[in-house]
Amino acid sequence: MGRITLEVCVDDVAGLVSAAAGGADRIELCAGLEMGGLTPSRGLMARAAALDIPVLAIIRPRAGDFVYDAATLDVMRTDIDTAREVGLAGVVLGASRPDGRLDEDALATLIAHAAGLEVALHRAFDLVPNPLEALETAVSLGFARILTSGGSATALAGAETIAAVTRASAGRISIMPGSGVRPDTVSELLAKTGAREVHASCSAPHVPTDPRVAALGFGSPLARRTDRATVEALRHALNGFSAL
C-alpha cells in the first residue's frame, strides 16, 4: 500500500524537534495550538525551514471564524511572503463567507499570492454546508490537500463524510483527516476513510512548573506540547497499517 504520510502540527521549537525525531513526514507550523493554530512568528518559521522535512506554515491571523476583511487579507499576504522568504515549503490557509461556504474570491487572491508554494486548505472546510460542493471549489482553486474532520469534533466521528469526500476527490486532491487522531484509533480511521495521509498534534497537556504563569494570564490552562513518544507511536501504527 505504500507509506502513509504523517503530518504533525507544532507550535514551538521543542515541538519541531519532537516531531522530526519521532518520524513525522511533514510539519504544519503554527502558534497557539490550543486555539486551533495561528500564524507562527518569522523566527519560528526560519528555524523550521532548517529541517530536512517539508514544513507548511498556517496563515491564520486571529482566532475565531475565517471571515476576513480586506485589511486582514493584506496581513495574510504579508505572512505568506514571510513563509516564502525564509524557505518554507508551503502554507495552509482558508477563508469563509458568512454562511460557511468557502470564500472563493479571497482564496483565489491568497493562492495567487502564494505562487511557487504548496498550498493546503485547513479546517475552514469543516464549516461548509455542502462538503462535496466545497471539494469542487478546492480542486478548482488548486489546493494540494484538504485537512478535515468531516465537520465533526474528531476525524473518527466524521469518518463517513471524510470517506465520501475522498471517493469524490478521485485522486484530484488529497483528503487528510485530522482532529483527535491517536495511535490506538488511527487504523480504524484509515480503514473507514481510505485516507493516505493523516494530521495530528501528537500532543500532551503542558502544566507550567510555576502556577503563576496561568494565574497571571501568561499561558493557557489548555496548553499542549508535542510529545515525541506519541509521534513515534502514531508512526508505528501507520507503518503497521501500511503492511497489512
Protein backbone atom coordinates (compact mmCIF):
# COMPACT_ATOMS: atom_id res chain seq x y z
CA MET A 1 0.00 0.00 0.00
CA GLY A 2 2.96 2.33 0.49
CA ARG A 3 3.86 4.66 3.30
CA ILE A 4 1.08 6.71 4.83
CA THR A 5 2.10 10.34 5.33
CA LEU A 6 2.12 11.67 8.87
CA GLU A 7 1.74 15.43 9.26
CA VAL A 8 2.29 16.77 12.77
CA CYS A 9 1.23 20.26 13.82
CA VAL A 10 3.60 22.02 16.23
CA ASP A 11 3.79 25.47 17.77
CA ASP A 12 7.27 25.79 19.27
CA VAL A 13 10.92 24.84 18.78
CA ALA A 14 10.68 21.82 21.08
CA GLY A 15 7.75 20.58 19.04
CA LEU A 16 9.76 20.83 15.84
CA VAL A 17 12.46 18.64 17.34
CA SER A 18 9.97 16.11 18.75
CA ALA A 19 8.00 15.81 15.52
CA ALA A 20 11.05 15.39 13.29
CA ALA A 21 12.77 12.93 15.62
CA GLY A 22 9.56 10.95 16.13
CA GLY A 23 9.05 10.24 12.45
CA ALA A 24 6.83 12.97 11.03
CA ASP A 25 6.90 13.23 7.25
CA ARG A 26 5.68 16.82 7.19
CA ILE A 27 5.03 19.58 9.72
CA GLU A 28 2.27 22.15 9.93
CA LEU A 29 3.79 25.07 11.80
CA CYS A 30 1.64 27.35 13.91
CA ALA A 31 1.32 29.30 17.11
CA GLY A 32 -1.37 28.68 19.74
CA LEU A 33 -2.25 25.03 19.22
CA GLU A 34 -4.92 25.35 21.93
CA MET A 35 -6.78 27.78 19.64
CA GLY A 36 -6.58 25.57 16.58
CA GLY A 37 -3.36 27.14 15.30
CA LEU A 38 -2.44 30.73 14.44
CA THR A 39 0.23 32.21 12.17
CA PRO A 40 3.69 31.47 13.61
CA SER A 41 6.38 34.10 14.08
CA ARG A 42 9.02 34.78 11.47
CA GLY A 43 11.68 33.47 13.85
CA LEU A 44 9.90 30.14 14.29
CA MET A 45 9.34 29.87 10.53
CA ALA A 46 13.05 30.42 9.93
CA ARG A 47 14.01 27.75 12.47
CA ALA A 48 11.56 25.29 10.93
CA ALA A 49 12.92 25.90 7.43
CA ALA A 50 16.22 24.34 8.52
CA LEU A 51 14.59 20.91 8.97
CA ASP A 52 15.04 18.23 6.33
CA ILE A 53 11.30 17.55 6.04
CA PRO A 54 8.69 19.83 4.42
CA VAL A 55 7.15 22.48 6.66
CA LEU A 56 3.98 24.44 5.85
CA ALA A 57 3.00 27.45 7.95
CA ILE A 58 -0.63 28.07 8.78
CA ILE A 59 -1.73 31.54 7.74
CA ARG A 60 -4.42 32.37 10.27
CA PRO A 61 -4.01 35.85 11.76
CA ARG A 62 -6.55 35.51 14.56
CA ALA A 63 -8.67 33.01 16.45
CA GLY A 64 -12.35 32.62 15.67
CA ASP A 65 -14.06 32.29 12.32
CA PHE A 66 -12.49 32.53 8.88
CA VAL A 67 -14.41 35.51 7.53
CA TYR A 68 -11.76 38.09 6.65
CA ASP A 69 -11.97 41.71 5.55
CA ALA A 70 -9.61 43.37 3.07
CA ALA A 71 -7.22 44.61 5.75
CA THR A 72 -6.88 41.13 7.25
CA LEU A 73 -6.26 39.61 3.82
CA ASP A 74 -3.42 42.12 3.42
CA VAL A 75 -1.89 40.81 6.66
CA MET A 76 -2.22 37.25 5.39
CA ARG A 77 -0.46 38.10 2.14
CA THR A 78 2.43 39.60 4.10
CA ASP A 79 2.63 36.43 6.21
CA ILE A 80 2.72 34.35 3.02
CA ASP A 81 5.64 36.48 1.86
CA THR A 82 7.44 35.69 5.11
CA ALA A 83 6.94 31.94 4.66
CA ARG A 84 8.42 32.18 1.18
CA GLU A 85 11.33 34.39 2.25
CA VAL A 86 12.51 32.03 5.00
CA GLY A 87 12.29 28.99 2.71
CA LEU A 88 9.24 27.04 3.89
CA ALA A 89 7.67 24.52 1.52
CA GLY A 90 4.20 25.99 1.67
CA VAL A 91 1.29 27.50 3.53
CA VAL A 92 -2.02 26.32 4.97
CA LEU A 93 -4.95 28.69 4.71
CA GLY A 94 -8.69 29.09 4.44
CA ALA A 95 -11.37 31.77 4.17
CA SER A 96 -15.12 31.56 4.57
CA ARG A 97 -18.20 33.51 3.60
CA PRO A 98 -20.59 34.39 6.43
CA ASP A 99 -22.77 31.37 5.52
CA GLY A 100 -19.81 28.99 5.89
CA ARG A 101 -19.15 28.43 2.20
CA LEU A 102 -15.57 28.83 1.04
CA ASP A 103 -14.78 32.42 0.05
CA GLU A 104 -13.64 31.64 -3.47
CA ASP A 105 -12.55 35.20 -4.29
CA ALA A 106 -10.44 35.61 -1.14
CA LEU A 107 -8.88 32.18 -1.54
CA ALA A 108 -8.05 32.79 -5.20
CA THR A 109 -6.27 36.01 -4.21
CA LEU A 110 -4.29 34.30 -1.45
CA ILE A 111 -3.35 31.32 -3.61
CA ALA A 112 -2.17 33.58 -6.41
CA HIS A 113 -0.02 35.43 -3.89
CA ALA A 114 1.44 32.09 -2.75
CA ALA A 115 2.65 31.17 -6.25
CA GLY A 116 5.54 28.73 -6.02
CA LEU A 117 4.49 27.41 -2.61
CA GLU A 118 2.44 24.32 -1.85
CA VAL A 119 -0.98 25.38 -0.56
CA ALA A 120 -3.30 23.33 1.65
CA LEU A 121 -6.83 24.12 2.81
CA HIS A 122 -7.36 23.99 6.58
CA ARG A 123 -10.46 23.12 8.59
CA ALA A 124 -12.45 26.07 7.35
CA PHE A 125 -13.65 23.19 5.18
CA ASP A 126 -15.45 21.77 8.22
CA LEU A 127 -17.83 24.75 8.33
CA VAL A 128 -19.12 24.39 4.77
CA PRO A 129 -22.81 23.48 4.30
CA ASN A 130 -22.05 21.17 1.37
CA PRO A 131 -18.72 19.29 1.57
CA LEU A 132 -18.91 17.89 -1.96
CA GLU A 133 -19.55 21.32 -3.42
CA ALA A 134 -16.66 22.71 -1.36
CA LEU A 135 -14.46 19.89 -2.62
CA GLU A 136 -15.01 21.03 -6.20
CA THR A 137 -14.19 24.60 -5.21
CA ALA A 138 -10.95 23.48 -3.56
CA VAL A 139 -9.97 21.43 -6.61
CA SER A 140 -10.67 24.31 -8.99
CA LEU A 141 -8.60 26.69 -6.86
CA GLY A 142 -5.60 24.36 -6.99
CA PHE A 143 -5.20 23.27 -3.37
CA ALA A 144 -2.88 20.31 -2.86
CA ARG A 145 -4.88 18.85 0.03
CA ILE A 146 -7.79 19.40 2.39
CA LEU A 147 -7.48 18.98 6.14
CA THR A 148 -10.84 17.91 7.57
CA SER A 149 -12.55 16.21 10.47
CA GLY A 150 -15.62 15.66 8.32
CA GLY A 151 -17.38 18.51 10.09
CA SER A 152 -17.26 16.67 13.42
CA ALA A 153 -15.33 17.19 16.63
CA THR A 154 -12.98 14.34 15.69
CA ALA A 155 -11.99 12.77 12.39
CA LEU A 156 -13.20 9.36 13.54
CA ALA A 157 -16.65 10.77 14.29
CA GLY A 158 -16.67 12.39 10.84
CA ALA A 159 -15.27 9.35 9.03
CA GLU A 160 -18.36 8.81 6.89
CA THR A 161 -18.18 12.33 5.47
CA ILE A 162 -14.41 12.10 5.01
CA ALA A 163 -14.86 8.83 3.11
CA ALA A 164 -17.48 10.40 0.83
CA VAL A 165 -15.24 13.37 0.09
CA THR A 166 -12.27 11.06 -0.51
CA ARG A 167 -14.25 9.00 -3.01
CA ALA A 168 -15.49 12.11 -4.80
CA SER A 169 -11.97 13.55 -4.96
CA ALA A 170 -10.98 10.68 -7.26
CA GLY A 171 -7.29 11.38 -6.76
CA ARG A 172 -7.55 15.03 -7.85
CA ILE A 173 -6.66 16.32 -4.39
CA SER A 174 -5.52 14.65 -1.17
CA ILE A 175 -8.05 14.41 1.67
CA MET A 176 -6.26 14.38 5.04
CA PRO A 177 -8.21 13.50 8.21
CA GLY A 178 -7.29 15.49 11.29
CA SER A 179 -8.58 16.17 14.84
CA GLY A 180 -8.37 13.63 17.61
CA VAL A 181 -6.13 11.28 15.59
CA ARG A 182 -4.49 8.86 18.02
CA PRO A 183 -2.23 5.81 17.72
CA ASP A 184 -4.92 3.48 19.09
CA THR A 185 -7.64 4.58 16.66
CA VAL A 186 -5.80 5.61 13.51
CA SER A 187 -6.07 2.19 11.85
CA GLU A 188 -9.86 2.30 12.21
CA LEU A 189 -9.87 5.83 10.79
CA LEU A 190 -7.82 4.83 7.77
CA ALA A 191 -9.94 1.74 7.13
CA LYS A 192 -13.15 3.79 7.21
CA THR A 193 -11.94 6.73 5.12
CA GLY A 194 -9.41 5.34 2.65
CA ALA A 195 -7.08 8.22 3.53
CA ARG A 196 -3.38 8.01 2.67
CA GLU A 197 -2.21 10.77 5.00
CA VAL A 198 -3.21 11.94 8.46
CA HIS A 199 -2.75 15.07 10.57
CA ALA A 200 -2.23 15.05 14.34
CA SER A 201 -0.82 17.22 17.10
CA CYS A 202 0.58 14.20 18.98
CA SER A 203 0.48 16.50 21.99
CA ALA A 204 0.09 16.14 25.72
CA PRO A 205 -1.17 18.69 28.26
CA HIS A 206 1.54 21.06 29.44
CA VAL A 207 1.34 22.35 33.00
CA PRO A 208 3.81 25.16 33.82
CA THR A 209 6.04 24.45 36.79
CA ASP A 210 5.13 27.88 38.19
CA PRO A 211 1.36 28.14 38.81
CA ARG A 212 1.56 31.93 38.45
CA VAL A 213 2.09 31.52 34.69
CA ALA A 214 -1.54 30.53 34.18
CA ALA A 215 -2.90 32.58 37.08
CA LEU A 216 -1.47 35.81 35.66
CA GLY A 217 -2.62 35.05 32.13
CA PHE A 218 0.82 34.33 30.64
CA GLY A 219 -0.22 30.86 29.49
CA SER A 220 -3.40 28.93 28.76
CA PRO A 221 -4.63 26.17 31.08
CA LEU A 222 -5.37 24.28 27.85
CA ALA A 223 -1.76 24.46 26.62
CA ARG A 224 -0.36 21.33 25.00
CA ARG A 225 3.06 20.36 23.68
CA THR A 226 4.15 17.90 21.02
CA ASP A 227 5.19 14.59 22.55
CA ARG A 228 7.89 12.61 20.75
CA ALA A 229 6.71 9.26 22.14
CA THR A 230 3.22 9.89 20.76
CA VAL A 231 4.65 10.81 17.35
CA GLU A 232 6.65 7.58 17.38
CA ALA A 233 3.60 5.53 18.42
CA LEU A 234 1.48 7.04 15.66
CA ARG A 235 4.22 6.46 13.09
CA HIS A 236 4.45 2.82 14.24
CA ALA A 237 0.67 2.38 13.93
CA LEU A 238 0.71 3.85 10.42
CA ASN A 239 3.55 1.56 9.38
CA GLY A 240 1.61 -1.41 10.69
CA PHE A 241 -1.48 -0.44 8.72
CA SER A 242 0.58 0.01 5.55
CA ALA A 243 1.96 -3.50 5.97
CA LEU A 244 -1.49 -5.12 6.02
